[in-house]
């Protein structure tokens, strides 16, 4: 599957941990944010993750997450980043640094968010069985049939 650039894009649901890269666009609730992996001058330090809100009530705001933190986004006052925004779950998603890679995962790791956390498909992606993706507001689940 590949987005050919004709509309709002194709988003895949971050049902499992999703490895982040520079300029990964994430959609949650009614907002979007973009990632930047910031390498420290001291190469012995793990890179931090900068999240910049592209639209919605938090437009223009940035948040830096250090590699030794697990950062949760959501409406609960116990979340690292708390915001009251339409369509955002109590715990929308969490960001973590593991095995030299930044990841985002929908929900808190036990329970998924109500509306999902979506990643803009920027490169070609192999369609896996039961993969959930959306184009505009239409959500699809892939059913990969095995040939016999």
N, C-alpha and C. Protein backbone atom coordinates (compact mmCIF):
# COMPACT_ATOMS: atom_id res chain seq x y z
N UNK A 1 0.86 -1.16 0.00
CA UNK A 1 0.00 0.00 0.00
C UNK A 1 0.90 1.22 0.00
N UNK A 2 0.51 2.24 -0.78
CA UNK A 2 1.28 3.47 -0.83
C UNK A 2 0.35 4.63 -1.11
N UNK A 3 0.54 5.72 -0.38
CA UNK A 3 -0.23 6.94 -0.61
C UNK A 3 0.33 7.62 -1.85
N UNK A 4 -0.54 7.92 -2.80
CA UNK A 4 -0.11 8.56 -4.04
C UNK A 4 -0.23 10.08 -3.99
N UNK A 5 -0.61 10.62 -2.82
CA UNK A 5 -0.58 12.05 -2.63
C UNK A 5 -1.76 12.83 -3.18
N UNK A 6 -2.89 12.19 -3.40
CA UNK A 6 -4.02 12.87 -4.01
C UNK A 6 -5.01 13.51 -3.04
N UNK A 7 -4.89 13.29 -1.75
CA UNK A 7 -5.90 13.80 -0.84
C UNK A 7 -5.36 14.02 0.56
N UNK A 8 -6.13 13.56 1.54
CA UNK A 8 -5.78 13.76 2.94
C UNK A 8 -4.75 12.77 3.45
N UNK A 9 -4.40 11.78 2.66
CA UNK A 9 -3.41 10.79 3.08
C UNK A 9 -4.05 9.51 3.57
N UNK A 10 -3.23 8.51 3.71
CA UNK A 10 -3.63 7.23 4.26
C UNK A 10 -2.96 7.11 5.63
N UNK A 11 -3.74 6.78 6.63
CA UNK A 11 -3.23 6.62 7.98
C UNK A 11 -3.39 5.17 8.40
N UNK A 12 -2.37 4.63 9.08
CA UNK A 12 -2.49 3.31 9.65
C UNK A 12 -2.61 3.45 11.16
N UNK A 13 -3.38 2.57 11.75
CA UNK A 13 -3.62 2.62 13.19
C UNK A 13 -2.43 2.06 13.94
N UNK A 14 -1.99 2.77 14.94
CA UNK A 14 -0.84 2.35 15.76
C UNK A 14 -1.33 1.36 16.82
N UNK A 15 -1.73 0.18 16.37
CA UNK A 15 -2.26 -0.81 17.31
C UNK A 15 -1.15 -1.47 18.13
N UNK A 16 -0.02 -1.68 17.52
CA UNK A 16 1.17 -2.18 18.21
C UNK A 16 2.14 -1.02 18.31
N UNK A 17 3.26 -1.23 18.99
CA UNK A 17 4.28 -0.18 19.03
C UNK A 17 4.67 0.16 17.60
N UNK A 18 4.72 1.44 17.31
CA UNK A 18 5.08 1.90 15.97
C UNK A 18 6.39 2.68 16.07
N UNK A 19 7.41 2.25 15.34
CA UNK A 19 8.71 2.92 15.35
C UNK A 19 8.60 4.27 14.66
N UNK A 20 9.07 5.30 15.33
CA UNK A 20 8.99 6.66 14.81
C UNK A 20 10.25 7.05 14.06
N UNK A 21 10.09 7.90 13.08
CA UNK A 21 11.20 8.49 12.34
C UNK A 21 11.02 10.00 12.37
N UNK A 22 12.01 10.73 11.86
CA UNK A 22 11.85 12.17 11.69
C UNK A 22 10.67 12.44 10.76
N UNK A 23 9.91 13.45 11.09
CA UNK A 23 8.80 13.92 10.26
C UNK A 23 7.65 12.91 10.17
N UNK A 24 7.49 12.04 11.17
CA UNK A 24 6.32 11.17 11.23
C UNK A 24 5.14 12.02 11.68
N UNK A 25 4.04 11.96 10.94
CA UNK A 25 2.84 12.72 11.30
C UNK A 25 1.88 11.78 12.01
N UNK A 26 1.42 12.20 13.18
CA UNK A 26 0.51 11.42 14.02
C UNK A 26 -0.80 12.17 14.15
N UNK A 27 -1.89 11.46 13.94
CA UNK A 27 -3.24 12.04 14.07
C UNK A 27 -3.90 11.43 15.30
N UNK A 28 -4.48 12.27 16.13
CA UNK A 28 -5.19 11.85 17.34
C UNK A 28 -6.37 12.80 17.50
N UNK A 29 -7.49 12.34 18.00
CA UNK A 29 -8.63 13.24 18.21
C UNK A 29 -8.88 14.09 16.99
N UNK A 30 -8.78 15.42 17.16
CA UNK A 30 -8.94 16.33 16.02
C UNK A 30 -7.62 16.99 15.63
N UNK A 31 -6.52 16.56 16.27
CA UNK A 31 -5.24 17.22 16.02
C UNK A 31 -4.22 16.33 15.34
N UNK A 32 -3.15 16.99 14.90
CA UNK A 32 -2.01 16.31 14.28
C UNK A 32 -0.74 16.84 14.94
N UNK A 33 0.25 15.99 15.05
CA UNK A 33 1.56 16.44 15.49
C UNK A 33 2.61 15.80 14.61
N UNK A 34 3.79 16.38 14.61
CA UNK A 34 4.89 15.89 13.79
C UNK A 34 6.10 15.66 14.69
N UNK A 35 6.86 14.60 14.40
CA UNK A 35 7.99 14.24 15.25
C UNK A 35 9.31 14.76 14.68
N UNK A 36 10.23 14.99 15.59
CA UNK A 36 11.61 15.29 15.23
C UNK A 36 12.50 14.58 16.23
N UNK A 37 13.37 13.71 15.76
CA UNK A 37 14.31 13.02 16.64
C UNK A 37 15.56 13.88 16.72
N UNK A 38 15.86 14.34 17.94
CA UNK A 38 16.93 15.32 18.16
C UNK A 38 18.15 14.61 18.75
N UNK A 39 19.22 14.55 17.95
CA UNK A 39 20.46 13.92 18.40
C UNK A 39 21.26 14.93 19.21
N UNK A 40 21.70 14.49 20.36
CA UNK A 40 22.48 15.36 21.25
C UNK A 40 23.90 15.53 20.71
N UNK A 41 24.54 16.62 21.10
CA UNK A 41 25.93 16.85 20.67
C UNK A 41 26.84 15.77 21.24
N UNK A 42 26.53 15.32 22.45
CA UNK A 42 27.26 14.22 23.07
C UNK A 42 26.69 12.92 22.51
N UNK A 43 27.41 12.28 21.62
CA UNK A 43 26.92 11.08 20.94
C UNK A 43 26.66 9.91 21.87
N UNK A 44 27.10 10.00 23.12
CA UNK A 44 26.85 8.92 24.08
C UNK A 44 25.44 9.01 24.65
N UNK A 45 24.76 10.11 24.42
CA UNK A 45 23.40 10.28 24.92
C UNK A 45 22.39 9.84 23.87
N UNK A 46 21.31 9.24 24.34
CA UNK A 46 20.24 8.84 23.43
C UNK A 46 19.52 10.10 22.93
N UNK A 47 18.97 10.06 21.73
CA UNK A 47 18.27 11.23 21.19
C UNK A 47 16.96 11.49 21.93
N UNK A 48 16.61 12.76 22.00
CA UNK A 48 15.31 13.13 22.57
C UNK A 48 14.30 13.20 21.42
N UNK A 49 13.05 13.31 21.77
CA UNK A 49 11.98 13.36 20.77
C UNK A 49 11.24 14.69 20.93
N UNK A 50 11.17 15.46 19.84
CA UNK A 50 10.42 16.72 19.85
C UNK A 50 9.11 16.48 19.11
N UNK A 51 8.01 16.85 19.77
CA UNK A 51 6.69 16.74 19.17
C UNK A 51 6.15 18.15 18.96
N UNK A 52 5.75 18.45 17.74
CA UNK A 52 5.21 19.78 17.45
C UNK A 52 3.76 19.61 16.98
N UNK A 53 2.85 20.31 17.66
CA UNK A 53 1.44 20.25 17.32
C UNK A 53 1.18 21.11 16.09
N UNK A 54 0.59 20.51 15.07
CA UNK A 54 0.40 21.17 13.78
C UNK A 54 -0.92 21.93 13.68
N UNK A 55 -1.93 21.50 14.44
CA UNK A 55 -3.24 22.15 14.38
C UNK A 55 -4.01 21.85 15.67
N UNK A 56 -5.25 22.30 15.72
CA UNK A 56 -6.06 22.10 16.92
C UNK A 56 -5.72 23.10 18.00
N UNK A 57 -6.26 22.91 19.20
CA UNK A 57 -6.07 23.87 20.30
C UNK A 57 -4.61 24.05 20.72
N UNK A 58 -3.75 23.06 20.44
CA UNK A 58 -2.35 23.14 20.84
C UNK A 58 -1.42 23.57 19.70
N UNK A 59 -2.00 24.08 18.60
CA UNK A 59 -1.22 24.43 17.42
C UNK A 59 -0.01 25.29 17.77
N UNK A 60 1.15 24.88 17.22
CA UNK A 60 2.39 25.63 17.41
C UNK A 60 3.16 25.26 18.67
N UNK A 61 2.52 24.59 19.62
CA UNK A 61 3.22 24.20 20.85
C UNK A 61 4.13 23.02 20.55
N UNK A 62 5.21 22.93 21.34
CA UNK A 62 6.15 21.84 21.21
C UNK A 62 6.36 21.18 22.56
N UNK A 63 6.72 19.92 22.50
CA UNK A 63 7.02 19.16 23.72
C UNK A 63 8.25 18.31 23.44
N UNK A 64 9.23 18.37 24.35
CA UNK A 64 10.45 17.56 24.21
C UNK A 64 10.36 16.42 25.23
N UNK A 65 10.62 15.21 24.75
CA UNK A 65 10.62 14.03 25.62
C UNK A 65 12.03 13.48 25.65
N UNK A 66 12.55 13.28 26.84
CA UNK A 66 13.89 12.71 26.99
C UNK A 66 13.81 11.19 26.93
N UNK A 67 14.90 10.56 26.53
CA UNK A 67 14.89 9.12 26.30
C UNK A 67 14.65 8.29 27.56
N UNK A 68 14.88 8.86 28.73
CA UNK A 68 14.65 8.10 29.97
C UNK A 68 13.22 8.28 30.50
N UNK A 69 12.36 8.91 29.72
CA UNK A 69 10.97 9.14 30.12
C UNK A 69 10.03 8.29 29.28
N UNK A 70 8.91 7.92 29.90
CA UNK A 70 7.77 7.40 29.16
C UNK A 70 6.74 8.51 29.26
N UNK A 71 6.27 8.98 28.13
CA UNK A 71 5.38 10.13 28.09
C UNK A 71 3.99 9.68 27.64
N UNK A 72 2.98 9.99 28.45
CA UNK A 72 1.60 9.67 28.08
C UNK A 72 0.87 10.95 27.71
N UNK A 73 0.00 10.85 26.70
CA UNK A 73 -0.86 11.95 26.26
C UNK A 73 -2.29 11.58 26.57
N UNK A 74 -3.06 12.52 27.05
CA UNK A 74 -4.48 12.25 27.27
C UNK A 74 -5.15 13.28 28.16
N UNK A 75 -6.39 12.97 28.54
CA UNK A 75 -7.19 13.89 29.36
C UNK A 75 -6.98 13.70 30.85
N UNK A 76 -6.46 12.55 31.29
CA UNK A 76 -6.27 12.31 32.72
C UNK A 76 -5.22 13.25 33.30
N UNK A 77 -5.45 13.75 34.51
CA UNK A 77 -4.46 14.65 35.12
C UNK A 77 -3.12 13.96 35.41
N UNK A 78 -3.08 12.63 35.39
CA UNK A 78 -1.84 11.91 35.63
C UNK A 78 -1.00 11.74 34.36
N UNK A 79 -1.52 12.14 33.21
CA UNK A 79 -0.76 12.05 31.96
C UNK A 79 0.38 13.06 31.97
N UNK A 80 1.45 12.75 31.25
CA UNK A 80 2.58 13.67 31.14
C UNK A 80 2.15 14.94 30.41
N UNK A 81 1.40 14.78 29.32
CA UNK A 81 0.86 15.91 28.57
C UNK A 81 -0.66 15.81 28.66
N UNK A 82 -1.25 16.77 29.35
CA UNK A 82 -2.70 16.76 29.58
C UNK A 82 -3.34 17.82 28.71
N UNK A 83 -4.38 17.43 27.97
CA UNK A 83 -5.16 18.42 27.24
C UNK A 83 -6.58 17.93 27.08
N UNK A 84 -7.49 18.89 27.14
CA UNK A 84 -8.90 18.60 27.00
C UNK A 84 -9.30 18.98 25.58
N UNK A 85 -9.36 17.98 24.74
CA UNK A 85 -9.61 18.22 23.33
C UNK A 85 -10.62 17.18 22.87
N UNK A 86 -11.55 17.58 22.02
CA UNK A 86 -12.58 16.68 21.51
C UNK A 86 -11.95 15.45 20.87
N UNK A 87 -12.44 14.29 21.25
CA UNK A 87 -11.98 13.04 20.64
C UNK A 87 -10.72 12.45 21.24
N UNK A 88 -10.15 13.08 22.28
CA UNK A 88 -8.96 12.54 22.93
C UNK A 88 -9.38 11.68 24.11
N UNK A 89 -8.79 10.50 24.21
CA UNK A 89 -9.11 9.56 25.29
C UNK A 89 -8.43 9.96 26.59
N UNK A 90 -8.84 9.29 27.67
CA UNK A 90 -8.21 9.56 28.97
C UNK A 90 -6.71 9.33 28.87
N UNK A 91 -6.30 8.22 28.25
CA UNK A 91 -4.90 8.03 27.87
C UNK A 91 -4.93 7.72 26.39
N UNK A 92 -4.53 8.69 25.58
CA UNK A 92 -4.59 8.57 24.12
C UNK A 92 -3.47 7.68 23.60
N UNK A 93 -2.24 7.99 24.01
CA UNK A 93 -1.09 7.23 23.52
C UNK A 93 0.09 7.45 24.45
N UNK A 94 1.12 6.62 24.23
CA UNK A 94 2.35 6.82 25.00
C UNK A 94 3.56 6.73 24.08
N UNK A 95 4.57 7.51 24.42
CA UNK A 95 5.82 7.56 23.68
C UNK A 95 6.91 6.99 24.59
N UNK A 96 7.79 6.16 24.01
CA UNK A 96 8.87 5.59 24.81
C UNK A 96 10.09 5.34 23.92
N UNK A 97 11.25 5.29 24.57
CA UNK A 97 12.51 5.02 23.88
C UNK A 97 13.00 3.65 24.35
N UNK A 98 13.07 2.70 23.42
CA UNK A 98 13.48 1.34 23.75
C UNK A 98 14.38 0.81 22.65
N UNK A 99 15.43 0.11 23.02
CA UNK A 99 16.32 -0.54 22.05
C UNK A 99 16.79 0.44 20.96
N UNK A 100 17.20 1.63 21.38
CA UNK A 100 17.75 2.66 20.47
C UNK A 100 16.75 3.14 19.43
N UNK A 101 15.46 3.15 19.78
CA UNK A 101 14.41 3.57 18.84
C UNK A 101 13.28 4.23 19.62
N UNK A 102 12.71 5.30 19.06
CA UNK A 102 11.52 5.93 19.63
C UNK A 102 10.28 5.22 19.09
N UNK A 103 9.29 5.02 19.97
CA UNK A 103 8.05 4.35 19.61
C UNK A 103 6.85 5.14 20.12
N UNK A 104 5.72 4.98 19.41
CA UNK A 104 4.42 5.45 19.91
C UNK A 104 3.52 4.23 19.94
N UNK A 105 2.66 4.18 20.96
CA UNK A 105 1.68 3.11 21.06
C UNK A 105 0.35 3.71 21.48
N UNK A 106 -0.71 3.26 20.84
CA UNK A 106 -2.05 3.74 21.16
C UNK A 106 -2.44 3.28 22.56
N UNK A 107 -3.12 4.15 23.31
CA UNK A 107 -3.60 3.81 24.64
C UNK A 107 -2.47 3.78 25.66
N UNK A 108 -2.73 3.06 26.75
CA UNK A 108 -1.76 3.01 27.84
C UNK A 108 -0.91 1.73 27.85
N UNK A 109 -1.08 0.91 26.85
CA UNK A 109 -0.35 -0.35 26.80
C UNK A 109 -1.23 -1.54 27.18
N UNK A 110 -2.33 -1.24 27.88
CA UNK A 110 -3.28 -2.28 28.28
C UNK A 110 -4.62 -2.09 27.58
N UNK A 111 -5.06 -0.84 27.54
CA UNK A 111 -6.35 -0.51 26.92
C UNK A 111 -6.09 0.50 25.80
N UNK A 112 -6.70 0.27 24.64
CA UNK A 112 -6.54 1.16 23.50
C UNK A 112 -7.40 2.42 23.70
N UNK A 113 -7.05 3.49 23.00
CA UNK A 113 -7.85 4.71 23.04
C UNK A 113 -9.16 4.47 22.28
N UNK A 114 -10.13 5.33 22.51
CA UNK A 114 -11.44 5.17 21.87
C UNK A 114 -11.38 5.38 20.37
N UNK A 115 -10.75 6.46 19.92
CA UNK A 115 -10.74 6.81 18.50
C UNK A 115 -9.46 6.44 17.77
N UNK A 116 -8.49 5.92 18.48
CA UNK A 116 -7.25 5.48 17.86
C UNK A 116 -6.20 6.57 17.72
N UNK A 117 -4.98 6.13 17.54
CA UNK A 117 -3.84 6.98 17.24
C UNK A 117 -3.35 6.52 15.87
N UNK A 118 -3.25 7.45 14.94
CA UNK A 118 -3.04 7.12 13.53
C UNK A 118 -1.73 7.71 13.03
N UNK A 119 -1.02 6.95 12.20
CA UNK A 119 0.26 7.36 11.64
C UNK A 119 0.09 7.57 10.14
N UNK A 120 0.51 8.74 9.63
CA UNK A 120 0.43 9.01 8.20
C UNK A 120 1.41 8.11 7.47
N UNK A 121 0.91 7.41 6.48
CA UNK A 121 1.73 6.51 5.68
C UNK A 121 2.56 7.35 4.72
N UNK A 122 3.87 7.40 4.96
CA UNK A 122 4.75 8.21 4.13
C UNK A 122 5.54 7.38 3.13
N UNK A 123 5.75 6.13 3.44
CA UNK A 123 6.47 5.22 2.56
C UNK A 123 5.57 4.03 2.26
N UNK A 124 5.99 3.23 1.33
CA UNK A 124 5.24 2.03 1.01
C UNK A 124 5.24 1.10 2.23
N UNK A 125 4.11 0.47 2.49
CA UNK A 125 3.95 -0.38 3.67
C UNK A 125 3.31 -1.69 3.26
N UNK A 126 3.86 -2.79 3.73
CA UNK A 126 3.30 -4.10 3.48
C UNK A 126 1.99 -4.22 4.26
N UNK A 127 0.93 -4.63 3.58
CA UNK A 127 -0.36 -4.81 4.23
C UNK A 127 -0.35 -6.13 4.97
N UNK A 128 -0.61 -6.08 6.27
CA UNK A 128 -0.65 -7.29 7.10
C UNK A 128 -2.10 -7.66 7.38
N UNK A 129 -2.33 -8.92 7.65
CA UNK A 129 -3.68 -9.37 7.98
C UNK A 129 -4.18 -8.62 9.22
N UNK A 130 -5.39 -8.13 9.16
CA UNK A 130 -6.08 -7.40 10.24
C UNK A 130 -5.54 -6.00 10.47
N UNK A 131 -4.66 -5.51 9.59
CA UNK A 131 -4.17 -4.14 9.69
C UNK A 131 -5.34 -3.19 9.52
N UNK A 132 -5.39 -2.16 10.36
CA UNK A 132 -6.45 -1.16 10.27
C UNK A 132 -5.84 0.11 9.68
N UNK A 133 -6.53 0.67 8.68
CA UNK A 133 -6.07 1.91 8.08
C UNK A 133 -7.29 2.74 7.70
N UNK A 134 -7.07 4.02 7.47
CA UNK A 134 -8.19 4.88 7.08
C UNK A 134 -7.75 5.84 5.99
N UNK A 135 -8.72 6.14 5.15
CA UNK A 135 -8.57 7.14 4.10
C UNK A 135 -9.68 8.14 4.36
N UNK A 136 -9.32 9.39 4.60
CA UNK A 136 -10.27 10.41 5.07
C UNK A 136 -10.95 9.88 6.32
N UNK A 137 -12.26 9.75 6.32
CA UNK A 137 -12.97 9.28 7.52
C UNK A 137 -13.44 7.83 7.40
N UNK A 138 -13.01 7.12 6.36
CA UNK A 138 -13.42 5.74 6.18
C UNK A 138 -12.33 4.81 6.71
N UNK A 139 -12.73 3.93 7.62
CA UNK A 139 -11.80 3.00 8.26
C UNK A 139 -11.96 1.62 7.64
N UNK A 140 -10.82 0.99 7.35
CA UNK A 140 -10.79 -0.34 6.72
C UNK A 140 -10.00 -1.30 7.61
N UNK A 141 -10.32 -2.58 7.53
CA UNK A 141 -9.50 -3.63 8.14
C UNK A 141 -9.13 -4.60 7.04
N UNK A 142 -7.85 -4.84 6.85
CA UNK A 142 -7.39 -5.75 5.79
C UNK A 142 -7.63 -7.19 6.20
N UNK A 143 -8.09 -7.97 5.25
CA UNK A 143 -8.25 -9.40 5.42
C UNK A 143 -7.42 -10.06 4.33
N UNK A 144 -6.20 -10.42 4.68
CA UNK A 144 -5.29 -11.01 3.70
C UNK A 144 -5.61 -12.49 3.56
N UNK A 145 -5.99 -12.87 2.34
CA UNK A 145 -6.35 -14.26 2.07
C UNK A 145 -5.12 -15.03 1.64
N UNK A 146 -4.97 -16.21 2.19
CA UNK A 146 -3.86 -17.09 1.81
C UNK A 146 -4.22 -17.85 0.55
N UNK A 147 -3.33 -17.87 -0.41
CA UNK A 147 -3.61 -18.63 -1.63
C UNK A 147 -3.28 -20.11 -1.37
N UNK A 148 -4.07 -20.97 -2.00
CA UNK A 148 -3.83 -22.40 -1.77
C UNK A 148 -3.38 -23.10 -3.02
